[in-house]
PDB file of all heavy atoms in Angstrom:
ATOM      1  N   MET A   1      43.358 112.133 165.799  1.00  0.00           N
ATOM      2  CA  MET A   1      41.945 112.528 165.912  1.00  0.00           C
ATOM      3  C   MET A   1      41.459 113.069 164.580  1.00  0.00           C
ATOM      4  O   MET A   1      42.094 113.929 163.969  1.00  0.00           O
ATOM      5  CB  MET A   1      41.780 113.586 167.004  1.00  0.00           C
ATOM      6  CG  MET A   1      40.347 114.059 167.186  1.00  0.00           C
ATOM      7  SD  MET A   1      40.204 115.254 168.535  1.00  0.00           S
ATOM      8  CE  MET A   1      38.474 115.623 168.432  1.00  0.00           C
ATOM      9  N   SER A   2      40.316 112.575 164.129  1.00  0.00           N
ATOM     10  CA  SER A   2      39.789 112.994 162.841  1.00  0.00           C
ATOM     11  C   SER A   2      39.259 114.414 162.894  1.00  0.00           C
ATOM     12  O   SER A   2      38.623 114.823 163.863  1.00  0.00           O
ATOM     13  CB  SER A   2      38.677 112.046 162.395  1.00  0.00           C
ATOM     14  OG  SER A   2      38.060 112.539 161.229  1.00  0.00           O
ATOM     15  N   ARG A   3      39.500 115.150 161.827  1.00  0.00           N
ATOM     16  CA  ARG A   3      38.932 116.484 161.677  1.00  0.00           C
ATOM     17  C   ARG A   3      37.766 116.474 160.699  1.00  0.00           C
ATOM     18  O   ARG A   3      37.223 117.527 160.392  1.00  0.00           O
ATOM     19  CB  ARG A   3      40.004 117.459 161.177  1.00  0.00           C
ATOM     20  CG  ARG A   3      41.148 117.694 162.137  1.00  0.00           C
ATOM     21  CD  ARG A   3      42.028 118.819 161.657  1.00  0.00           C
ATOM     22  NE  ARG A   3      41.275 120.067 161.545  1.00  0.00           N
ATOM     23  CZ  ARG A   3      41.724 121.146 160.928  1.00  0.00           C
ATOM     24  NH1 ARG A   3      42.905 121.141 160.348  1.00  0.00           N
ATOM     25  NH2 ARG A   3      40.992 122.247 160.871  1.00  0.00           N
ATOM     26  N   PHE A   4      37.392 115.301 160.214  1.00  0.00           N
ATOM     27  CA  PHE A   4      36.356 115.205 159.188  1.00  0.00           C
ATOM     28  C   PHE A   4      35.105 114.602 159.799  1.00  0.00           C
ATOM     29  O   PHE A   4      35.072 113.406 160.084  1.00  0.00           O
ATOM     30  CB  PHE A   4      36.858 114.354 158.027  1.00  0.00           C
ATOM     31  CG  PHE A   4      35.980 114.394 156.803  1.00  0.00           C
ATOM     32  CD1 PHE A   4      35.972 115.510 155.980  1.00  0.00           C
ATOM     33  CD2 PHE A   4      35.176 113.324 156.464  1.00  0.00           C
ATOM     34  CE1 PHE A   4      35.171 115.565 154.849  1.00  0.00           C
ATOM     35  CE2 PHE A   4      34.377 113.365 155.333  1.00  0.00           C
ATOM     36  CZ  PHE A   4      34.370 114.487 154.526  1.00  0.00           C
ATOM     37  N   PRO A   5      34.051 115.397 160.014  1.00  0.00           N
ATOM     38  CA  PRO A   5      32.836 114.859 160.640  1.00  0.00           C
ATOM     39  C   PRO A   5      32.246 113.707 159.834  1.00  0.00           C
ATOM     40  O   PRO A   5      32.162 113.766 158.601  1.00  0.00           O
ATOM     41  CB  PRO A   5      31.895 116.069 160.666  1.00  0.00           C
ATOM     42  CG  PRO A   5      32.800 117.266 160.610  1.00  0.00           C
ATOM     43  CD  PRO A   5      33.964 116.843 159.763  1.00  0.00           C
ATOM     44  N   ALA A   6      31.812 112.682 160.532  1.00  0.00           N
ATOM     45  CA  ALA A   6      31.329 111.469 159.863  1.00  0.00           C
ATOM     46  C   ALA A   6      30.104 111.721 159.004  1.00  0.00           C
ATOM     47  O   ALA A   6      29.857 110.990 158.038  1.00  0.00           O
ATOM     48  CB  ALA A   6      31.034 110.393 160.907  1.00  0.00           C
ATOM     49  N   ASP A   7      29.319 112.742 159.345  1.00  0.00           N
ATOM     50  CA  ASP A   7      28.092 113.005 158.592  1.00  0.00           C
ATOM     51  C   ASP A   7      28.284 114.009 157.457  1.00  0.00           C
ATOM     52  O   ASP A   7      27.313 114.486 156.865  1.00  0.00           O
ATOM     53  CB  ASP A   7      26.989 113.504 159.523  1.00  0.00           C
ATOM     54  CG  ASP A   7      27.368 114.802 160.246  1.00  0.00           C
ATOM     55  OD1 ASP A   7      28.544 115.220 160.151  1.00  0.00           O
ATOM     56  OD2 ASP A   7      26.494 115.384 160.914  1.00  0.00           O
ATOM     57  N   THR A   8      29.537 114.313 157.102  1.00  0.00           N
ATOM     58  CA  THR A   8      29.804 115.256 156.023  1.00  0.00           C
ATOM     59  C   THR A   8      29.373 114.666 154.681  1.00  0.00           C
ATOM     60  O   THR A   8      29.822 113.574 154.314  1.00  0.00           O
ATOM     61  CB  THR A   8      31.303 115.595 155.957  1.00  0.00           C
ATOM     62  OG1 THR A   8      31.720 116.122 157.218  1.00  0.00           O
ATOM     63  CG2 THR A   8      31.583 116.625 154.865  1.00  0.00           C
ATOM     64  N   PRO A   9      28.511 115.340 153.928  1.00  0.00           N
ATOM     65  CA  PRO A   9      28.102 114.793 152.619  1.00  0.00           C
ATOM     66  C   PRO A   9      29.245 114.883 151.612  1.00  0.00           C
ATOM     67  O   PRO A   9      29.931 115.904 151.519  1.00  0.00           O
ATOM     68  CB  PRO A   9      26.929 115.695 152.216  1.00  0.00           C
ATOM     69  CG  PRO A   9      27.156 116.977 152.954  1.00  0.00           C
ATOM     70  CD  PRO A   9      27.815 116.607 154.249  1.00  0.00           C
ATOM     71  N   VAL A  10      29.475 113.794 150.900  1.00  0.00           N
ATOM     72  CA  VAL A  10      30.498 113.770 149.851  1.00  0.00           C
ATOM     73  C   VAL A  10      29.804 113.356 148.556  1.00  0.00           C
ATOM     74  O   VAL A  10      29.507 112.178 148.344  1.00  0.00           O
ATOM     75  CB  VAL A  10      31.642 112.795 150.194  1.00  0.00           C
ATOM     76  CG1 VAL A  10      32.677 112.771 149.070  1.00  0.00           C
ATOM     77  CG2 VAL A  10      32.304 113.192 151.512  1.00  0.00           C
ATOM     78  N   ARG A  11      29.541 114.338 147.719  1.00  0.00           N
ATOM     79  CA  ARG A  11      28.827 114.088 146.459  1.00  0.00           C
ATOM     80  C   ARG A  11      29.765 114.072 145.255  1.00  0.00           C
ATOM     81  O   ARG A  11      29.532 113.344 144.303  1.00  0.00           O
ATOM     82  CB  ARG A  11      27.746 115.155 146.260  1.00  0.00           C
ATOM     83  CG  ARG A  11      26.663 115.168 147.333  1.00  0.00           C
ATOM     84  CD  ARG A  11      25.766 116.378 147.195  1.00  0.00           C
ATOM     85  NE  ARG A  11      26.513 117.615 147.453  1.00  0.00           N
ATOM     86  CZ  ARG A  11      26.576 118.225 148.640  1.00  0.00           C
ATOM     87  NH1 ARG A  11      25.923 117.708 149.667  1.00  0.00           N
ATOM     88  NH2 ARG A  11      27.265 119.339 148.793  1.00  0.00           N
ATOM     89  N   ARG A  12      30.789 114.911 145.296  1.00  0.00           N
ATOM     90  CA  ARG A  12      31.762 115.000 144.206  1.00  0.00           C
ATOM     91  C   ARG A  12      33.165 115.057 144.794  1.00  0.00           C
ATOM     92  O   ARG A  12      33.417 115.803 145.746  1.00  0.00           O
ATOM     93  CB  ARG A  12      31.511 116.234 143.335  1.00  0.00           C
ATOM     94  CG  ARG A  12      30.257 116.148 142.489  1.00  0.00           C
ATOM     95  CD  ARG A  12      30.068 117.399 141.625  1.00  0.00           C
ATOM     96  NE  ARG A  12      29.982 118.606 142.438  1.00  0.00           N
ATOM     97  CZ  ARG A  12      28.876 119.019 143.048  1.00  0.00           C
ATOM     98  NH1 ARG A  12      27.754 118.311 142.936  1.00  0.00           N
ATOM     99  NH2 ARG A  12      28.877 120.120 143.773  1.00  0.00           N
ATOM    100  N   VAL A  13      34.061 114.276 144.198  1.00  0.00           N
ATOM    101  CA  VAL A  13      35.449 114.191 144.665  1.00  0.00           C
ATOM    102  C   VAL A  13      36.374 114.356 143.468  1.00  0.00           C
ATOM    103  O   VAL A  13      36.130 113.773 142.402  1.00  0.00           O
ATOM    104  CB  VAL A  13      35.733 112.827 145.336  1.00  0.00           C
ATOM    105  CG1 VAL A  13      37.159 112.763 145.850  1.00  0.00           C
ATOM    106  CG2 VAL A  13      34.740 112.562 146.458  1.00  0.00           C
ATOM    107  N   LEU A  14      37.424 115.145 143.649  1.00  0.00           N
ATOM    108  CA  LEU A  14      38.428 115.341 142.606  1.00  0.00           C
ATOM    109  C   LEU A  14      39.786 115.000 143.200  1.00  0.00           C
ATOM    110  O   LEU A  14      40.248 115.662 144.131  1.00  0.00           O
ATOM    111  CB  LEU A  14      38.400 116.778 142.104  1.00  0.00           C
ATOM    112  CG  LEU A  14      39.413 117.189 141.029  1.00  0.00           C
ATOM    113  CD1 LEU A  14      39.336 116.274 139.814  1.00  0.00           C
ATOM    114  CD2 LEU A  14      39.196 118.648 140.632  1.00  0.00           C
ATOM    115  N   ALA A  15      40.412 113.950 142.678  1.00  0.00           N
ATOM    116  CA  ALA A  15      41.678 113.448 143.210  1.00  0.00           C
ATOM    117  C   ALA A  15      42.818 113.740 142.241  1.00  0.00           C
ATOM    118  O   ALA A  15      42.734 113.391 141.058  1.00  0.00           O
ATOM    119  CB  ALA A  15      41.586 111.946 143.472  1.00  0.00           C
ATOM    120  N   PHE A  16      43.873 114.359 142.754  1.00  0.00           N
ATOM    121  CA  PHE A  16      45.035 114.722 141.950  1.00  0.00           C
ATOM    122  C   PHE A  16      46.219 113.822 142.278  1.00  0.00           C
ATOM    123  O   PHE A  16      46.405 113.398 143.426  1.00  0.00           O
ATOM    124  CB  PHE A  16      45.435 116.175 142.216  1.00  0.00           C
ATOM    125  CG  PHE A  16      44.477 117.185 141.662  1.00  0.00           C
ATOM    126  CD1 PHE A  16      43.433 117.664 142.432  1.00  0.00           C
ATOM    127  CD2 PHE A  16      44.635 117.665 140.368  1.00  0.00           C
ATOM    128  CE1 PHE A  16      42.540 118.602 141.927  1.00  0.00           C
ATOM    129  CE2 PHE A  16      43.747 118.601 139.851  1.00  0.00           C
ATOM    130  CZ  PHE A  16      42.703 119.076 140.630  1.00  0.00           C
ATOM    131  N   ALA A  17      47.046 113.586 141.260  1.00  0.00           N
ATOM    132  CA  ALA A  17      48.272 112.813 141.437  1.00  0.00           C
ATOM    133  C   ALA A  17      49.331 113.327 140.482  1.00  0.00           C
ATOM    134  O   ALA A  17      49.017 113.940 139.456  1.00  0.00           O
ATOM    135  CB  ALA A  17      48.014 111.333 141.176  1.00  0.00           C
ATOM    136  N   ALA A  18      50.570 113.052 140.813  1.00  0.00           N
ATOM    137  CA  ALA A  18      51.662 113.406 139.913  1.00  0.00           C
ATOM    138  C   ALA A  18      51.757 112.423 138.757  1.00  0.00           C
ATOM    139  O   ALA A  18      51.963 112.819 137.608  1.00  0.00           O
ATOM    140  CB  ALA A  18      52.985 113.457 140.679  1.00  0.00           C
ATOM    141  N   HIS A  19      51.642 111.124 139.045  1.00  0.00           N
ATOM    142  CA  HIS A  19      51.872 110.072 138.050  1.00  0.00           C
ATOM    143  C   HIS A  19      50.706 109.084 138.026  1.00  0.00           C
ATOM    144  O   HIS A  19      50.012 108.920 139.031  1.00  0.00           O
ATOM    145  CB  HIS A  19      53.148 109.281 138.393  1.00  0.00           C
ATOM    146  CG  HIS A  19      54.324 110.126 138.718  1.00  0.00           C
ATOM    147  ND1 HIS A  19      54.816 110.264 139.998  1.00  0.00           N
ATOM    148  CD2 HIS A  19      55.113 110.889 137.913  1.00  0.00           C
ATOM    149  CE1 HIS A  19      55.855 111.077 139.982  1.00  0.00           C
ATOM    150  NE2 HIS A  19      56.054 111.477 138.736  1.00  0.00           N
ATOM    151  N   PRO A  20      50.524 108.381 136.902  1.00  0.00           N
ATOM    152  CA  PRO A  20      49.620 107.233 136.912  1.00  0.00           C
ATOM    153  C   PRO A  20      50.085 106.247 137.992  1.00  0.00           C
ATOM    154  O   PRO A  20      51.282 105.997 138.110  1.00  0.00           O
ATOM    155  CB  PRO A  20      49.791 106.633 135.510  1.00  0.00           C
ATOM    156  CG  PRO A  20      50.316 107.756 134.670  1.00  0.00           C
ATOM    157  CD  PRO A  20      51.186 108.575 135.588  1.00  0.00           C
ATOM    158  N   ASP A  21      49.207 105.737 138.764  1.00  0.00           N
ATOM    159  CA  ASP A  21      49.321 104.782 139.874  1.00  0.00           C
ATOM    160  C   ASP A  21      49.403 105.443 141.241  1.00  0.00           C
ATOM    161  O   ASP A  21      49.140 104.798 142.253  1.00  0.00           O
ATOM    162  CB  ASP A  21      50.424 103.728 139.700  1.00  0.00           C
ATOM    163  CG  ASP A  21      51.851 104.175 140.038  1.00  0.00           C
ATOM    164  OD1 ASP A  21      52.074 105.293 140.547  1.00  0.00           O
ATOM    165  OD2 ASP A  21      52.780 103.386 139.769  1.00  0.00           O
ATOM    166  N   ASP A  22      49.744 106.730 141.342  1.00  0.00           N
ATOM    167  CA  ASP A  22      49.857 107.382 142.652  1.00  0.00           C
ATOM    168  C   ASP A  22      48.534 107.355 143.410  1.00  0.00           C
ATOM    169  O   ASP A  22      48.499 107.059 144.608  1.00  0.00           O
ATOM    170  CB  ASP A  22      50.308 108.842 142.499  1.00  0.00           C
ATOM    171  CG  ASP A  22      51.757 108.996 142.071  1.00  0.00           C
ATOM    172  OD1 ASP A  22      52.553 108.074 142.314  1.00  0.00           O
ATOM    173  OD2 ASP A  22      52.089 110.056 141.491  1.00  0.00           O
ATOM    174  N   ILE A  23      47.446 107.680 142.730  1.00  0.00           N
ATOM    175  CA  ILE A  23      46.138 107.700 143.391  1.00  0.00           C
ATOM    176  C   ILE A  23      45.784 106.319 143.921  1.00  0.00           C
ATOM    177  O   ILE A  23      45.257 106.173 145.030  1.00  0.00           O
ATOM    178  CB  ILE A  23      45.041 108.197 142.426  1.00  0.00           C
ATOM    179  CG1 ILE A  23      45.215 109.694 142.146  1.00  0.00           C
ATOM    180  CG2 ILE A  23      43.642 107.928 142.999  1.00  0.00           C
ATOM    181  CD1 ILE A  23      44.285 110.230 141.066  1.00  0.00           C
ATOM    182  N   ASP A  24      46.096 105.285 143.152  1.00  0.00           N
ATOM    183  CA  ASP A  24      45.700 103.936 143.548  1.00  0.00           C
ATOM    184  C   ASP A  24      46.469 103.464 144.770  1.00  0.00           C
ATOM    185  O   ASP A  24      45.913 102.829 145.662  1.00  0.00           O
ATOM    186  CB  ASP A  24      45.865 102.984 142.366  1.00  0.00           C
ATOM    187  CG  ASP A  24      44.956 103.373 141.217  1.00  0.00           C
ATOM    188  OD1 ASP A  24      43.738 103.425 141.440  1.00  0.00           O
ATOM    189  OD2 ASP A  24      45.456 103.675 140.120  1.00  0.00           O
ATOM    190  N   PHE A  25      47.751 103.808 144.855  1.00  0.00           N
ATOM    191  CA  PHE A  25      48.511 103.488 146.059  1.00  0.00           C
ATOM    192  C   PHE A  25      48.008 104.294 147.253  1.00  0.00           C
ATOM    193  O   PHE A  25      47.901 103.780 148.367  1.00  0.00           O
ATOM    194  CB  PHE A  25      50.003 103.768 145.845  1.00  0.00           C
ATOM    195  CG  PHE A  25      50.746 102.634 145.211  1.00  0.00           C
ATOM    196  CD1 PHE A  25      51.109 102.696 143.874  1.00  0.00           C
ATOM    197  CD2 PHE A  25      51.084 101.505 145.936  1.00  0.00           C
ATOM    198  CE1 PHE A  25      51.795 101.650 143.271  1.00  0.00           C
ATOM    199  CE2 PHE A  25      51.764 100.451 145.344  1.00  0.00           C
ATOM    200  CZ  PHE A  25      52.122 100.524 144.012  1.00  0.00           C
ATOM    201  N   GLY A  26      47.688 105.568 147.043  1.00  0.00           N
ATOM    202  CA  GLY A  26      47.398 106.445 148.164  1.00  0.00           C
ATOM    203  C   GLY A  26      45.972 106.453 148.652  1.00  0.00           C
ATOM    204  O   GLY A  26      45.729 106.625 149.854  1.00  0.00           O
ATOM    205  N   ALA A  27      45.000 106.276 147.740  1.00  0.00           N
ATOM    206  CA  ALA A  27      43.628 106.581 148.149  1.00  0.00           C
ATOM    207  C   ALA A  27      42.552 105.762 147.454  1.00  0.00           C
ATOM    208  O   ALA A  27      41.364 106.069 147.603  1.00  0.00           O
ATOM    209  CB  ALA A  27      43.342 108.069 147.912  1.00  0.00           C
ATOM    210  N   ALA A  28      42.905 104.721 146.699  1.00  0.00           N
ATOM    211  CA  ALA A  28      41.892 104.011 145.910  1.00  0.00           C
ATOM    212  C   ALA A  28      40.809 103.375 146.768  1.00  0.00           C
ATOM    213  O   ALA A  28      39.643 103.304 146.355  1.00  0.00           O
ATOM    214  CB  ALA A  28      42.557 102.947 145.035  1.00  0.00           C
ATOM    215  N   GLY A  29      41.154 102.903 147.956  1.00  0.00           N
ATOM    216  CA  GLY A  29      40.139 102.288 148.808  1.00  0.00           C
ATOM    217  C   GLY A  29      39.103 103.289 149.267  1.00  0.00           C
ATOM    218  O   GLY A  29      37.894 103.019 149.239  1.00  0.00           O
ATOM    219  N   THR A  30      39.556 104.464 149.688  1.00  0.00           N
ATOM    220  CA  THR A  30      38.649 105.517 150.127  1.00  0.00           C
ATOM    221  C   THR A  30      37.786 106.001 148.971  1.00  0.00           C
ATOM    222  O   THR A  30      36.573 106.218 149.124  1.00  0.00           O
ATOM    223  CB  THR A  30      39.450 106.687 150.716  1.00  0.00           C
ATOM    224  OG1 THR A  30      40.219 106.205 151.832  1.00  0.00           O
ATOM    225  CG2 THR A  30      38.540 107.819 151.164  1.00  0.00           C
ATOM    226  N   LEU A  31      38.387 106.152 147.799  1.00  0.00           N
ATOM    227  CA  LEU A  31      37.637 106.596 146.626  1.00  0.00           C
ATOM    228  C   LEU A  31      36.613 105.557 146.202  1.00  0.00           C
ATOM    229  O   LEU A  31      35.489 105.905 145.809  1.00  0.00           O
ATOM    230  CB  LEU A  31      38.604 106.917 145.491  1.00  0.00           C
ATOM    231  CG  LEU A  31      39.511 108.125 145.750  1.00  0.00           C
ATOM    232  CD1 LEU A  31      40.645 108.174 144.730  1.00  0.00           C
ATOM    233  CD2 LEU A  31      38.717 109.424 145.733  1.00  0.00           C
ATOM    234  N   ALA A  32      36.969 104.281 146.293  1.00  0.00           N
ATOM    235  CA  ALA A  32      36.011 103.216 145.979  1.00  0.00           C
ATOM    236  C   ALA A  32      34.829 103.238 146.952  1.00  0.00           C
ATOM    237  O   ALA A  32      33.666 103.049 146.554  1.00  0.00           O
ATOM    238  CB  ALA A  32      36.697 101.854 146.015  1.00  0.00           C
ATOM    239  N   LYS A  33      35.112 103.487 148.229  1.00  0.00           N
ATOM    240  CA  LYS A  33      34.051 103.568 149.231  1.00  0.00           C
ATOM    241  C   LYS A  33      33.093 104.706 148.887  1.00  0.00           C
ATOM    242  O   LYS A  33      31.862 104.542 148.916  1.00  0.00           O
ATOM    243  CB  LYS A  33      34.668 103.773 150.617  1.00  0.00           C
ATOM    244  CG  LYS A  33      33.667 103.777 151.771  1.00  0.00           C
ATOM    245  CD  LYS A  33      34.348 104.109 153.083  1.00  0.00           C
ATOM    246  CE  LYS A  33      35.304 103.040 153.539  1.00  0.00           C
ATOM    247  NZ  LYS A  33      34.595 101.822 154.031  1.00  0.00           N
ATOM    248  N   TRP A  34      33.648 105.880 148.565  1.00  0.00           N
ATOM    249  CA  TRP A  34      32.805 107.018 148.205  1.00  0.00           C
ATOM    250  C   TRP A  34      32.001 106.747 146.929  1.00  0.00           C
ATOM    251  O   TRP A  34      30.830 107.097 146.841  1.00  0.00           O
ATOM    252  CB  TRP A  34      33.649 108.272 148.033  1.00  0.00           C
ATOM    253  CG  TRP A  34      33.981 108.962 149.327  1.00  0.00           C
ATOM    254  CD1 TRP A  34      33.244 108.960 150.473  1.00  0.00           C
ATOM    255  CD2 TRP A  34      35.134 109.762 149.589  1.00  0.00           C
ATOM    256  NE1 TRP A  34      33.866 109.725 151.443  1.00  0.00           N
ATOM    257  CE2 TRP A  34      35.026 110.226 150.935  1.00  0.00           C
ATOM    258  CE3 TRP A  34      36.243 110.135 148.834  1.00  0.00           C
ATOM    259  CZ2 TRP A  34      35.980 111.052 151.513  1.00  0.00           C
ATOM    260  CZ3 TRP A  34      37.196 110.957 149.425  1.00  0.00           C
ATOM    261  CH2 TRP A  34      37.070 111.402 150.752  1.00  0.00           C
ATOM    262  N   ALA A  35      32.661 106.135 145.939  1.00  0.00           N
ATOM    263  CA  ALA A  35      31.955 105.813 144.690  1.00  0.00           C
ATOM    264  C   ALA A  35      30.778 104.886 144.964  1.00  0.00           C
ATOM    265  O   ALA A  35      29.679 105.058 144.417  1.00  0.00           O
ATOM    266  CB  ALA A  35      32.911 105.195 143.680  1.00  0.00           C
ATOM    267  N   ASP A  36      30.972 103.893 145.835  1.00  0.00           N
ATOM    268  CA  ASP A  36      29.901 102.963 146.174  1.00  0.00           C
ATOM    269  C   ASP A  36      28.749 103.676 146.876  1.00  0.00           C
ATOM    270  O   ASP A  36      27.589 103.242 146.786  1.00  0.00           O
ATOM    271  CB  ASP A  36      30.430 101.849 147.070  1.00  0.00           C
ATOM    272  CG  ASP A  36      31.288 100.845 146.331  1.00  0.00           C
ATOM    273  OD1 ASP A  36      31.327 100.897 145.084  1.00  0.00           O
ATOM    274  OD2 ASP A  36      31.936 100.010 146.998  1.00  0.00           O
ATOM    275  N   GLN A  37      29.067 104.758 147.571  1.00  0.00           N
ATOM    276  CA  GLN A  37      28.044 105.525 148.285  1.00  0.00           C
ATOM    277  C   GLN A  37      27.352 106.542 147.386  1.00  0.00           C
ATOM    278  O   GLN A  37      26.489 107.290 147.847  1.00  0.00           O
ATOM    279  CB  GLN A  37      28.679 106.216 149.490  1.00  0.00           C
ATOM    280  CG  GLN A  37      29.149 105.246 150.567  1.00  0.00           C
ATOM    281  CD  GLN A  37      29.999 105.901 151.645  1.00  0.00           C
ATOM    282  OE1 GLN A  37      30.354 107.086 151.551  1.00  0.00           O
ATOM    283  NE2 GLN A  37      30.345 105.152 152.668  1.00  0.00           N
ATOM    284  N   GLY A  38      27.736 106.576 146.103  1.00  0.00           N
ATOM    285  CA  GLY A  38      27.055 107.433 145.146  1.00  0.00           C
ATOM    286  C   GLY A  38      27.792 108.691 144.762  1.00  0.00           C
ATOM    287  O   GLY A  38      27.266 109.497 143.984  1.00  0.00           O
ATOM    288  N   ALA A  39      29.011 108.890 145.278  1.00  0.00           N
ATOM    289  CA  ALA A  39      29.769 110.088 144.928  1.00  0.00           C
ATOM    290  C   ALA A  39      30.297 109.983 143.499  1.00  0.00           C
ATOM    291  O   ALA A  39      30.623 108.886 143.017  1.00  0.00           O
ATOM    292  CB  ALA A  39      30.935 110.289 145.887  1.00  0.00           C
TER     293      ALA A  39
END
């Protein structure tokens, strides 16, 4: 069950990783979606 309300505004996102490529394996699709929405 999601704890993140669908109408939550996401204007700025800061993603952390240990190594180059970690973010892309873990979250690049979600980050691309947010970027397309103007974040």
